[in-house]
C-alpha atoms as a PDB file:
ATOM      1  CA  MET A   1     -35.115  -1.172 -15.642  1.00  0.00           C
ATOM      2  CA  THR A   2     -32.687   0.804 -17.739  1.00  0.00           C
ATOM      3  CA  ASP A   3     -30.010  -0.637 -19.969  1.00  0.00           C
ATOM      4  CA  GLU A   4     -27.371   0.311 -17.394  1.00  0.00           C
ATOM      5  CA  ASP A   5     -29.213  -1.650 -14.682  1.00  0.00           C
ATOM      6  CA  ASP A   6     -29.439  -4.647 -17.020  1.00  0.00           C
ATOM      7  CA  ILE A   7     -25.723  -4.450 -17.727  1.00  0.00           C
ATOM      8  CA  GLN A   8     -24.918  -4.222 -14.001  1.00  0.00           C
ATOM      9  CA  MET A   9     -27.099  -7.256 -13.268  1.00  0.00           C
ATOM     10  CA  ILE A  10     -25.510  -9.272 -16.090  1.00  0.00           C
ATOM     11  CA  LEU A  11     -22.022  -8.336 -14.876  1.00  0.00           C
ATOM     12  CA  LYS A  12     -22.876  -9.364 -11.291  1.00  0.00           C
ATOM     13  CA  GLU A  13     -24.180 -12.728 -12.483  1.00  0.00           C
ATOM     14  CA  ARG A  14     -21.136 -13.231 -14.698  1.00  0.00           C
ATOM     15  CA  PHE A  15     -18.790 -12.214 -11.859  1.00  0.00           C
ATOM     16  CA  ALA A  16     -20.312 -14.885  -9.597  1.00  0.00           C
ATOM     17  CA  GLN A  17     -19.614 -17.546 -12.252  1.00  0.00           C
ATOM     18  CA  LEU A  18     -15.937 -16.649 -12.709  1.00  0.00           C
ATOM     19  CA  PRO A  19     -13.149 -18.672 -11.051  1.00  0.00           C
ATOM     20  CA  GLU A  20     -11.649 -17.199  -7.894  1.00  0.00           C
ATOM     21  CA  PRO A  21      -8.326 -16.062  -9.472  1.00  0.00           C
ATOM     22  CA  VAL A  22     -10.207 -14.088 -12.143  1.00  0.00           C
ATOM     23  CA  ARG A  23     -12.484 -12.489  -9.530  1.00  0.00           C
ATOM     24  CA  ARG A  24      -9.427 -11.466  -7.502  1.00  0.00           C
ATOM     25  CA  ALA A  25      -7.838  -9.976 -10.626  1.00  0.00           C
ATOM     26  CA  ILE A  26     -10.973  -7.935 -11.370  1.00  0.00           C
ATOM     27  CA  THR A  27     -11.223  -6.548  -7.847  1.00  0.00           C
ATOM     28  CA  SER A  28      -7.463  -6.181  -7.370  1.00  0.00           C
ATOM     29  CA  GLU A  29      -6.138  -2.680  -6.916  1.00  0.00           C
ATOM     30  CA  ASP A  30      -2.757  -3.915  -8.205  1.00  0.00           C
ATOM     31  CA  ASN A  31      -4.082  -4.506 -11.723  1.00  0.00           C
ATOM     32  CA  SER A  32      -5.608  -1.045 -11.793  1.00  0.00           C
ATOM     33  CA  LYS A  33      -2.276   0.403 -10.638  1.00  0.00           C
ATOM     34  CA  HIS A  34      -0.357  -1.589 -13.266  1.00  0.00           C
ATOM     35  CA  LEU A  35      -2.742  -0.453 -16.013  1.00  0.00           C
ATOM     36  CA  ARG A  36      -2.314   3.155 -14.875  1.00  0.00           C
ATOM     37  CA  GLU A  37       1.477   2.730 -15.076  1.00  0.00           C
ATOM     38  CA  LEU A  38       1.096   1.258 -18.574  1.00  0.00           C
ATOM     39  CA  GLY A  39      -0.982   4.281 -19.545  1.00  0.00           C
ATOM     40  CA  GLU A  40       1.743   6.602 -18.280  1.00  0.00           C
ATOM     41  CA  ARG A  41       4.491   4.601 -20.003  1.00  0.00           C
ATOM     42  CA  HIS A  42       2.645   4.679 -23.345  1.00  0.00           C
ATOM     43  CA  LYS A  43       1.610   8.329 -22.805  1.00  0.00           C
ATOM     44  CA  LEU A  44      -2.155   7.718 -22.815  1.00  0.00           C
ATOM     45  CA  HIS A  45      -4.631  10.397 -21.795  1.00  0.00           C
ATOM     46  CA  ILE A  46      -7.030   9.746 -18.908  1.00  0.00           C
ATOM     47  CA  ASP A  47      -9.929   8.884 -21.220  1.00  0.00           C
ATOM     48  CA  GLN A  48      -7.677   6.510 -23.185  1.00  0.00           C
ATOM     49  CA  TRP A  49      -6.489   4.880 -19.968  1.00  0.00           C
ATOM     50  CA  GLU A  50     -10.120   4.388 -18.850  1.00  0.00           C
ATOM     51  CA  ALA A  51     -10.982   2.850 -22.233  1.00  0.00           C
ATOM     52  CA  LEU A  52      -7.961   0.537 -21.876  1.00  0.00           C
ATOM     53  CA  GLU A  53      -9.045  -0.518 -18.388  1.00  0.00           C
ATOM     54  CA  ASN A  54     -12.618  -1.125 -19.595  1.00  0.00           C
ATOM     55  CA  ALA A  55     -11.377  -3.277 -22.493  1.00  0.00           C
ATOM     56  CA  VAL A  56      -9.209  -5.352 -20.131  1.00  0.00           C
ATOM     57  CA  MET A  57     -12.041  -5.745 -17.599  1.00  0.00           C
ATOM     58  CA  MET A  58     -14.521  -6.794 -20.289  1.00  0.00           C
ATOM     59  CA  THR A  59     -11.979  -9.334 -21.506  1.00  0.00           C
ATOM     60  CA  LEU A  60     -11.616 -10.636 -17.940  1.00  0.00           C
ATOM     61  CA  PHE A  61     -15.407 -10.895 -17.688  1.00  0.00           C
ATOM     62  CA  GLY A  62     -15.402 -12.891 -20.923  1.00  0.00           C
ATOM     63  CA  ALA A  63     -17.369 -10.301 -22.917  1.00  0.00           C
ATOM     64  CA  PHE A  64     -14.535 -10.078 -25.481  1.00  0.00           C
ATOM     65  CA  PRO A  65     -12.359 -12.999 -26.546  1.00  0.00           C
ATOM     66  CA  ILE A  66      -8.757 -12.549 -25.454  1.00  0.00           C
ATOM     67  CA  GLU A  67      -7.633 -12.974 -29.071  1.00  0.00           C
ATOM     68  CA  ASP A  68      -9.490  -9.740 -29.958  1.00  0.00           C
ATOM     69  CA  LEU A  69      -7.923  -7.673 -27.164  1.00  0.00           C
ATOM     70  CA  GLU A  70      -5.339  -6.033 -29.429  1.00  0.00           C
ATOM     71  CA  LYS A  71      -8.031  -5.073 -31.947  1.00  0.00           C
ATOM     72  CA  LYS A  72     -10.309  -3.767 -29.155  1.00  0.00           C
ATOM     73  CA  ILE A  73      -7.476  -1.700 -27.685  1.00  0.00           C
ATOM     74  CA  LYS A  74      -6.744  -0.188 -31.098  1.00  0.00           C
ATOM     75  CA  GLN A  75     -10.432   0.655 -31.669  1.00  0.00           C
ATOM     76  CA  GLU A  76     -11.503   1.772 -28.203  1.00  0.00           C
ATOM     77  CA  VAL A  77      -8.309   3.426 -26.976  1.00  0.00           C
ATOM     78  CA  GLY A  78      -7.474   4.937 -30.360  1.00  0.00           C
ATOM     79  CA  VAL A  79      -3.786   4.074 -30.599  1.00  0.00           C
ATOM     80  CA  SER A  80      -1.526   2.904 -33.426  1.00  0.00           C
ATOM     81  CA  ASP A  81      -1.008  -0.761 -34.329  1.00  0.00           C
ATOM     82  CA  GLU A  82       2.417  -0.927 -32.679  1.00  0.00           C
ATOM     83  CA  THR A  83       1.192   0.760 -29.470  1.00  0.00           C
ATOM     84  CA  ALA A  84      -1.797  -1.610 -29.330  1.00  0.00           C
ATOM     85  CA  LYS A  85       0.549  -4.566 -29.821  1.00  0.00           C
ATOM     86  CA  ALA A  86       2.906  -3.328 -27.069  1.00  0.00           C
ATOM     87  CA  LEU A  87      -0.019  -2.678 -24.693  1.00  0.00           C
ATOM     88  CA  THR A  88      -1.447  -6.145 -25.374  1.00  0.00           C
ATOM     89  CA  ALA A  89       1.919  -7.792 -24.684  1.00  0.00           C
ATOM     90  CA  ASP A  90       2.337  -5.841 -21.432  1.00  0.00           C
ATOM     91  CA  ILE A  91      -1.236  -6.600 -20.319  1.00  0.00           C
ATOM     92  CA  SER A  92      -0.755 -10.278 -21.098  1.00  0.00           C
ATOM     93  CA  LYS A  93       2.382 -10.342 -18.967  1.00  0.00           C
ATOM     94  CA  ILE A  94       1.048  -8.220 -16.081  1.00  0.00           C
ATOM     95  CA  VAL A  95      -2.608  -9.309 -15.876  1.00  0.00           C
ATOM     96  CA  PHE A  96      -3.224 -12.586 -17.668  1.00  0.00           C
ATOM     97  CA  GLU A  97      -0.063 -14.604 -16.864  1.00  0.00           C
ATOM     98  CA  PRO A  98      -0.571 -14.417 -13.074  1.00  0.00           C
ATOM     99  CA  ILE A  99      -4.212 -15.488 -13.544  1.00  0.00           C
ATOM    100  CA  ARG A 100      -3.119 -18.378 -15.742  1.00  0.00           C
ATOM    101  CA  GLU A 101      -0.548 -19.505 -13.145  1.00  0.00           C
ATOM    102  CA  GLN A 102      -3.112 -19.339 -10.338  1.00  0.00           C
ATOM    103  CA  LEU A 103      -5.647 -21.314 -12.378  1.00  0.00           C
ATOM    104  CA  GLU A 104      -3.031 -23.958 -13.183  1.00  0.00           C
ATOM    105  CA  ARG A 105      -2.158 -24.301  -9.493  1.00  0.00           C
ATOM    106  CA  LEU A 106      -5.848 -24.385  -8.599  1.00  0.00           C
ATOM    107  CA  LEU A 107      -6.504 -27.150 -11.127  1.00  0.00           C
ATOM    108  CA  GLU A 108      -3.248 -28.895 -10.139  1.00  0.00           C
ATOM    109  CA  TYR A 109      -1.908 -28.757 -13.670  1.00  0.00           C
ATOM    110  CA  SER A 110       1.309 -30.787 -13.848  1.00  0.00           C
ATOM    111  CA  GLU A 111       3.357 -27.979 -15.429  1.00  0.00           C
ATOM    112  CA  ALA A 112       2.067 -25.237 -13.124  1.00  0.00           C
ATOM    113  CA  LYS A 113       4.670 -22.850 -11.778  1.00  0.00           C
ATOM    114  CA  VAL A 114       5.345 -23.127  -8.085  1.00  0.00           C
ATOM    115  CA  VAL A 115       4.506 -20.099  -5.980  1.00  0.00           C
ATOM    116  CA  LYS A 116       7.688 -18.293  -4.988  1.00  0.00           C
ATOM    117  CA  GLU A 117       7.799 -18.222  -1.201  1.00  0.00           C
ATOM    118  CA  SER A 118      10.530 -16.963   1.046  1.00  0.00           C
ATOM    119  CA  GLY A 119      11.678 -19.117   3.938  1.00  0.00           C
ATOM    120  CA  VAL A 120       9.827 -16.926   6.422  1.00  0.00           C
ATOM    121  CA  GLU A 121       6.569 -17.169   4.443  1.00  0.00           C
ATOM    122  CA  ALA A 122       6.924 -20.939   4.140  1.00  0.00           C
ATOM    123  CA  ALA A 123       7.501 -21.316   7.888  1.00  0.00           C
ATOM    124  CA  ARG A 124       4.559 -19.026   8.646  1.00  0.00           C
ATOM    125  CA  ASN A 125       2.236 -20.957   6.316  1.00  0.00           C
ATOM    126  CA  GLN A 126       3.417 -24.238   7.800  1.00  0.00           C
ATOM    127  CA  GLN A 127       2.724 -23.010  11.332  1.00  0.00           C
ATOM    128  CA  LEU A 128      -0.704 -21.669  10.407  1.00  0.00           C
ATOM    129  CA  SER A 129      -1.759 -24.771   8.532  1.00  0.00           C
ATOM    130  CA  ALA A 130      -0.574 -27.274  11.133  1.00  0.00           C
ATOM    131  CA  SER A 131      -3.718 -29.119  12.094  1.00  0.00           C
ATOM    132  CA  SER A 132      -2.185 -30.935  15.043  1.00  0.00           C
ATOM    133  CA  PHE A 133      -1.549 -27.676  16.908  1.00  0.00           C
ATOM    134  CA  GLN A 134      -4.029 -27.334  19.764  1.00  0.00           C
ATOM    135  CA  LEU A 135      -3.857 -25.289  22.912  1.00  0.00           C
ATOM    136  CA  SER A 136      -3.809 -27.252  26.117  1.00  0.00           C
ATOM    137  CA  GLU A 137      -6.117 -26.239  28.956  1.00  0.00           C
ATOM    138  CA  GLU A 138      -3.147 -25.089  31.002  1.00  0.00           C
ATOM    139  CA  THR A 139      -1.941 -22.800  28.213  1.00  0.00           C
ATOM    140  CA  THR A 140      -5.447 -21.406  27.853  1.00  0.00           C
ATOM    141  CA  LYS A 141      -5.644 -20.726  31.606  1.00  0.00           C
ATOM    142  CA  GLN A 142      -2.247 -19.034  31.562  1.00  0.00           C
ATOM    143  CA  ALA A 143      -3.327 -16.804  28.706  1.00  0.00           C
ATOM    144  CA  ALA A 144      -6.586 -15.925  30.484  1.00  0.00           C
ATOM    145  CA  THR A 145      -4.887 -15.053  33.812  1.00  0.00           C
ATOM    146  CA  PRO A 146      -3.441 -11.540  33.663  1.00  0.00           C
ATOM    147  CA  LEU A 147       0.102 -11.072  34.881  1.00  0.00           C
ATOM    148  CA  PRO A 148       0.540  -9.026  38.069  1.00  0.00           C
ATOM    149  CA  VAL A 149       1.673  -5.485  37.499  1.00  0.00           C
ATOM    150  CA  ALA A 150       5.254  -4.953  38.627  1.00  0.00           C
ATOM    151  CA  PRO A 151       5.891  -1.726  40.545  1.00  0.00           C
ATOM    152  CA  ALA A 152       7.563   0.919  38.456  1.00  0.00           C
ATOM    153  CA  THR A 153      10.351   3.260  39.440  1.00  0.00           C
ATOM    154  CA  PRO A 154       8.909   5.788  41.877  1.00  0.00           C
ATOM    155  CA  PRO A 155       8.626   9.352  40.612  1.00  0.00           C
ATOM    156  CA  PRO A 156      11.189  11.887  41.866  1.00  0.00           C
ATOM    157  CA  ALA A 157      10.325  13.949  44.933  1.00  0.00           C
ATOM    158  CA  PRO A 158       8.756  17.339  44.204  1.00  0.00           C
ATOM    159  CA  LEU A 159      11.124  20.292  44.181  1.00  0.00           C
ATOM    160  CA  THR A 160      11.240  22.265  47.428  1.00  0.00           C
ATOM    161  CA  GLN A 161      13.481  25.106  46.301  1.00  0.00           C
ATOM    162  CA  ARG A 162      12.755  27.717  43.696  1.00  0.00           C
ATOM    163  CA  ALA A 163      15.154  28.521  40.912  1.00  0.00           C
ATOM    164  CA  GLU A 164      17.193  31.612  41.695  1.00  0.00           C
ATOM    165  CA  ARG A 165      17.952  34.217  39.077  1.00  0.00           C
ATOM    166  CA  ALA A 166      21.261  35.936  38.749  1.00  0.00           C
ATOM    167  CA  PRO A 167      21.274  39.617  39.636  1.00  0.00           C
ATOM    168  CA  ILE A 168      20.438  41.979  36.786  1.00  0.00           C
ATOM    169  CA  SER A 169      23.491  43.610  35.211  1.00  0.00           C
ATOM    170  CA  ALA A 170      24.094  47.258  35.998  1.00  0.00           C
ATOM    171  CA  ALA A 171      24.835  47.793  32.300  1.00  0.00           C
ATOM    172  CA  TYR A 172      21.324  46.706  31.352  1.00  0.00           C
ATOM    173  CA  LYS A 173      18.788  49.425  30.656  1.00  0.00           C
ATOM    174  CA  ALA A 174      15.311  48.598  29.432  1.00  0.00           C
ATOM    175  CA  GLY A 175      14.635  49.725  25.875  1.00  0.00           C
ATOM    176  CA  GLN A 176      18.297  50.212  25.005  1.00  0.00           C
ATOM    177  CA  ALA A 177      19.853  48.051  22.275  1.00  0.00           C
ATOM    178  CA  SER A 178      22.676  45.886  23.537  1.00  0.00           C
ATOM    179  CA  SER A 179      24.897  47.015  20.669  1.00  0.00           C
ATOM    180  CA  SER A 180      24.813  50.603  21.938  1.00  0.00           C
ATOM    181  CA  ARG A 181      26.026  49.743  25.444  1.00  0.00           C
ATOM    182  CA  GLU A 182      29.412  51.010  26.419  1.00  0.00           C
ATOM    183  CA  ASN A 183      29.970  48.618  29.291  1.00  0.00           C
ATOM    184  CA  VAL A 184      29.602  45.017  28.142  1.00  0.00           C
ATOM    185  CA  GLU A 185      31.425  43.289  30.983  1.00  0.00           C
ATOM    186  CA  ASP A 186      28.253  42.018  32.650  1.00  0.00           C
ATOM    187  CA  ASP A 187      26.470  41.131  29.396  1.00  0.00           C
ATOM    188  CA  PRO A 188      26.511  37.318  29.093  1.00  0.00           C
ATOM    189  CA  TYR A 189      25.548  37.449  25.424  1.00  0.00           C
ATOM    190  CA  ARG A 190      28.389  39.662  24.246  1.00  0.00           C
ATOM    191  CA  GLU A 191      32.059  39.070  24.131  1.00  0.00           C
ATOM    192  CA  PRO A 192      34.229  42.016  24.968  1.00  0.00           C
ATOM    193  CA  PRO A 193      36.021  43.496  21.941  1.00  0.00           C
ATOM    194  CA  GLN A 194      39.662  42.565  21.726  1.00  0.00           C
END
């Protein structure tokens, strides 16, 4: 086994031990998108952005203490003290605060923030979680029986007559430009000069 295989195995084992909110944060595409936006806002190059994402992910895995994140960002990303401080504050707000709130709700912490739900979401969750809701046999039979197909509007009868063309204008001559015609009375595309 190579060192890279060992690292992958250790990360898989560590990932399995993490709480669900942290696992969701690691696999979330939103965090990656937010980190990319942070990189653009702080004018980081692609390699710096990747180093930033790696530092955040290793912190989420628990490889680095969260207190050392600012120092790690400064070292690994190669930015100034103030940029590292700003990045750390943004990452704390975007990545770590939602995880903290989810963990507090999961552990039923008394000061946990309530999930913001719209009225529609609350009604939907209430309907889905209602344990007393059961389908009756009659409802199940009705759902299983297909409805009869209602007749549609009948198609129109096929045409029996052919379209008739208007007679060709005497002023028309094949190959002659219409602008050079002297007689334009029969030409439907030209207005007579006034």
